[in-house]
Amino acid sequence: MQRSDKRKSWTLWLLVSVPVIMVAMFVVPYTLLREVDAWYGSLLFWTVGTAAVIAINVAVALSWENER
């Protein structure tokens, strides 16, 4: 596999992970964190999930910039 093919497959995996993270950001607080009475349980989870999606978007955008 060439370097360009590896980069494309890596970018594809990153892009596929964004909807997975988004679904988890809805499902986990209402299922796994249901018994947590403190508000910061869901807030921390959503903050980490949002930071992960932003980091993925930055990584994908930088890879597109390098292709030119």
Protein backbone atom coordinates (compact mmCIF):
# COMPACT_ATOMS: atom_id res chain seq x y z
CA MET A 1 0.00 0.00 0.00
CA GLN A 2 1.35 3.39 -0.92
CA ARG A 3 1.63 6.27 1.48
CA SER A 4 -1.27 8.12 -0.15
CA ASP A 5 -3.50 5.05 0.19
CA LYS A 6 -2.62 4.72 3.87
CA ARG A 7 -3.43 8.38 4.44
CA LYS A 8 -6.78 8.01 2.66
CA SER A 9 -7.75 4.94 4.68
CA TRP A 10 -6.69 6.67 7.91
CA THR A 11 -8.80 9.71 6.99
CA LEU A 12 -11.75 7.46 6.21
CA TRP A 13 -11.48 5.78 9.62
CA LEU A 14 -11.36 9.17 11.30
CA LEU A 15 -14.43 10.36 9.42
CA VAL A 16 -16.32 7.16 10.30
CA SER A 17 -15.48 7.62 13.98
CA VAL A 18 -17.24 11.02 14.15
CA PRO A 19 -20.81 9.64 13.82
CA VAL A 20 -19.91 6.86 16.26
CA ILE A 21 -18.79 9.43 18.83
CA MET A 22 -21.91 11.52 18.19
CA VAL A 23 -24.21 8.55 18.77
CA ALA A 24 -22.28 7.69 21.94
CA MET A 25 -22.74 11.27 23.16
CA PHE A 26 -26.50 10.72 23.07
CA VAL A 27 -26.71 7.10 24.19
CA VAL A 28 -24.20 6.95 27.06
CA PRO A 29 -25.58 9.77 29.24
CA TYR A 30 -29.11 8.39 29.02
CA THR A 31 -28.09 4.76 29.63
CA LEU A 32 -24.79 4.25 31.43
CA LEU A 33 -24.80 7.57 33.30
CA ARG A 34 -28.51 7.46 34.19
CA GLU A 35 -27.81 6.68 37.86
CA VAL A 36 -25.25 9.48 38.25
CA ASP A 37 -27.06 12.23 40.15
CA ALA A 38 -24.36 14.84 39.63
CA TRP A 39 -24.68 17.04 36.54
CA TYR A 40 -20.95 16.92 35.81
CA GLY A 41 -21.05 13.24 34.75
CA SER A 42 -22.75 13.98 31.44
CA LEU A 43 -21.07 17.36 31.07
CA LEU A 44 -17.60 15.81 31.31
CA PHE A 45 -18.55 13.08 28.83
CA TRP A 46 -19.95 15.62 26.35
CA THR A 47 -16.90 17.85 26.74
CA VAL A 48 -14.48 15.00 26.04
CA GLY A 49 -16.59 13.81 23.10
CA THR A 50 -16.73 17.31 21.63
CA ALA A 51 -12.97 17.75 22.02
CA ALA A 52 -12.43 14.40 20.26
CA VAL A 53 -14.64 15.40 17.31
CA ILE A 54 -12.89 18.76 17.01
CA ALA A 55 -9.47 17.07 17.07
CA ILE A 56 -10.57 14.61 14.39
CA ASN A 57 -11.88 17.44 12.20
CA VAL A 58 -8.58 19.31 12.56
CA ALA A 59 -6.58 16.19 11.66
CA VAL A 60 -8.71 15.50 8.60
CA ALA A 61 -8.55 19.13 7.47
CA LEU A 62 -4.77 19.17 7.80
CA SER A 63 -4.46 15.99 5.74
CA TRP A 64 -6.54 17.56 2.97
CA GLU A 65 -4.31 20.61 3.02
CA ASN A 66 -1.18 18.46 2.63
CA GLU A 67 -2.56 16.71 -0.48
CA ARG A 68 -2.23 19.83 -2.62
